[in-house]
């Protein structure tokens, strides 16, 4: 019975890790899409898309690291 709980906890952690990886890659993809407008934004003297892309990329990398850690530590 105890082994089943341990196995179930590992599988649940791996699923959370997989979901976090999917969210992280999605955030990075949105950062790249917003990155298309960075050069135009700089030319116009604004920093909206620069900041937006940077925050999304940083957040995406943090979520990817978290998901990777969940997947590796429990499997």
C-alpha atoms as a PDB file:
ATOM      1  CA  UNK A   1       0.000   0.000   0.000  1.00  0.00           C
ATOM      2  CA  UNK A   2       2.812   2.400   0.882  1.00  0.00           C
ATOM      3  CA  UNK A   3       4.570   1.707  -2.432  1.00  0.00           C
ATOM      4  CA  UNK A   4       1.416   2.611  -4.341  1.00  0.00           C
ATOM      5  CA  UNK A   5       1.192   5.987  -2.600  1.00  0.00           C
ATOM      6  CA  UNK A   6       4.829   6.701  -3.331  1.00  0.00           C
ATOM      7  CA  UNK A   7       4.382   5.710  -6.972  1.00  0.00           C
ATOM      8  CA  UNK A   8       1.227   7.822  -7.269  1.00  0.00           C
ATOM      9  CA  UNK A   9       3.021  10.831  -5.782  1.00  0.00           C
ATOM     10  CA  UNK A  10       5.874  10.428  -8.265  1.00  0.00           C
ATOM     11  CA  UNK A  11       3.482  10.187 -11.204  1.00  0.00           C
ATOM     12  CA  UNK A  12       1.559  13.238  -9.999  1.00  0.00           C
ATOM     13  CA  UNK A  13       4.792  15.230  -9.672  1.00  0.00           C
ATOM     14  CA  UNK A  14       5.849  14.182 -13.170  1.00  0.00           C
ATOM     15  CA  UNK A  15       2.493  15.304 -14.552  1.00  0.00           C
ATOM     16  CA  UNK A  16       2.829  18.666 -12.801  1.00  0.00           C
ATOM     17  CA  UNK A  17       6.319  18.924 -14.268  1.00  0.00           C
ATOM     18  CA  UNK A  18       5.006  18.174 -17.748  1.00  0.00           C
ATOM     19  CA  UNK A  19       2.303  20.801 -17.380  1.00  0.00           C
ATOM     20  CA  UNK A  20       4.857  23.347 -16.155  1.00  0.00           C
ATOM     21  CA  UNK A  21       7.068  22.601 -19.158  1.00  0.00           C
ATOM     22  CA  UNK A  22       4.158  23.156 -21.521  1.00  0.00           C
ATOM     23  CA  UNK A  23       3.326  26.478 -19.848  1.00  0.00           C
ATOM     24  CA  UNK A  24       6.991  27.538 -19.929  1.00  0.00           C
ATOM     25  CA  UNK A  25       7.377  26.830 -23.638  1.00  0.00           C
ATOM     26  CA  UNK A  26       4.121  28.676 -24.329  1.00  0.00           C
ATOM     27  CA  UNK A  27       5.382  31.739 -22.448  1.00  0.00           C
ATOM     28  CA  UNK A  28       8.633  31.640 -24.419  1.00  0.00           C
ATOM     29  CA  UNK A  29       6.694  31.398 -27.670  1.00  0.00           C
ATOM     30  CA  UNK A  30       4.646  34.468 -26.738  1.00  0.00           C
ATOM     31  CA  UNK A  31       7.858  36.292 -25.846  1.00  0.00           C
ATOM     32  CA  UNK A  32       9.235  35.520 -29.300  1.00  0.00           C
ATOM     33  CA  UNK A  33       6.038  36.705 -30.950  1.00  0.00           C
ATOM     34  CA  UNK A  34       6.191  39.956 -28.980  1.00  0.00           C
ATOM     35  CA  UNK A  35       9.882  40.165 -29.853  1.00  0.00           C
ATOM     36  CA  UNK A  36       8.922  40.856 -33.457  1.00  0.00           C
ATOM     37  CA  UNK A  37       7.864  44.337 -32.413  1.00  0.00           C
ATOM     38  CA  UNK A  38      10.907  45.133 -30.268  1.00  0.00           C
ATOM     39  CA  UNK A  39      12.943  46.871 -32.976  1.00  0.00           C
ATOM     40  CA  UNK A  40      10.019  49.014 -34.090  1.00  0.00           C
ATOM     41  CA  UNK A  41       9.352  49.826 -30.451  1.00  0.00           C
ATOM     42  CA  UNK A  42      12.957  50.947 -29.876  1.00  0.00           C
ATOM     43  CA  UNK A  43      12.871  53.102 -33.014  1.00  0.00           C
ATOM     44  CA  UNK A  44       9.778  54.867 -31.736  1.00  0.00           C
ATOM     45  CA  UNK A  45      11.385  55.507 -28.350  1.00  0.00           C
ATOM     46  CA  UNK A  46       9.124  53.250 -26.348  1.00  0.00           C
ATOM     47  CA  UNK A  47      10.017  50.265 -24.199  1.00  0.00           C
ATOM     48  CA  UNK A  48       6.679  48.494 -23.929  1.00  0.00           C
ATOM     49  CA  UNK A  49       7.493  45.432 -26.036  1.00  0.00           C
ATOM     50  CA  UNK A  50      11.075  45.301 -24.770  1.00  0.00           C
ATOM     51  CA  UNK A  51       9.882  45.025 -21.186  1.00  0.00           C
ATOM     52  CA  UNK A  52       6.968  42.753 -22.100  1.00  0.00           C
ATOM     53  CA  UNK A  53       9.196  40.334 -24.011  1.00  0.00           C
ATOM     54  CA  UNK A  54      11.820  40.351 -21.286  1.00  0.00           C
ATOM     55  CA  UNK A  55       9.351  39.620 -18.513  1.00  0.00           C
ATOM     56  CA  UNK A  56       7.658  36.859 -20.504  1.00  0.00           C
ATOM     57  CA  UNK A  57      10.984  35.263 -21.403  1.00  0.00           C
ATOM     58  CA  UNK A  58      12.231  35.396 -17.817  1.00  0.00           C
ATOM     59  CA  UNK A  59       8.991  33.976 -16.476  1.00  0.00           C
ATOM     60  CA  UNK A  60       8.998  31.252 -19.129  1.00  0.00           C
ATOM     61  CA  UNK A  61      12.560  30.239 -18.261  1.00  0.00           C
ATOM     62  CA  UNK A  62      11.721  30.130 -14.561  1.00  0.00           C
ATOM     63  CA  UNK A  63       8.688  27.903 -15.191  1.00  0.00           C
ATOM     64  CA  UNK A  64      10.780  25.659 -17.466  1.00  0.00           C
ATOM     65  CA  UNK A  65      13.364  25.267 -14.729  1.00  0.00           C
ATOM     66  CA  UNK A  66      10.688  24.426 -12.187  1.00  0.00           C
ATOM     67  CA  UNK A  67       9.098  21.850 -14.501  1.00  0.00           C
ATOM     68  CA  UNK A  68      12.436  20.301 -15.314  1.00  0.00           C
ATOM     69  CA  UNK A  69      13.259  20.036 -11.623  1.00  0.00           C
ATOM     70  CA  UNK A  70       9.918  18.335 -10.906  1.00  0.00           C
ATOM     71  CA  UNK A  71      10.408  15.828 -13.703  1.00  0.00           C
ATOM     72  CA  UNK A  72      13.993  14.945 -12.769  1.00  0.00           C
ATOM     73  CA  UNK A  73      13.756  14.771  -8.991  1.00  0.00           C
ATOM     74  CA  UNK A  74      10.872  12.319  -9.014  1.00  0.00           C
ATOM     75  CA  UNK A  75      11.679  10.031 -11.859  1.00  0.00           C
END
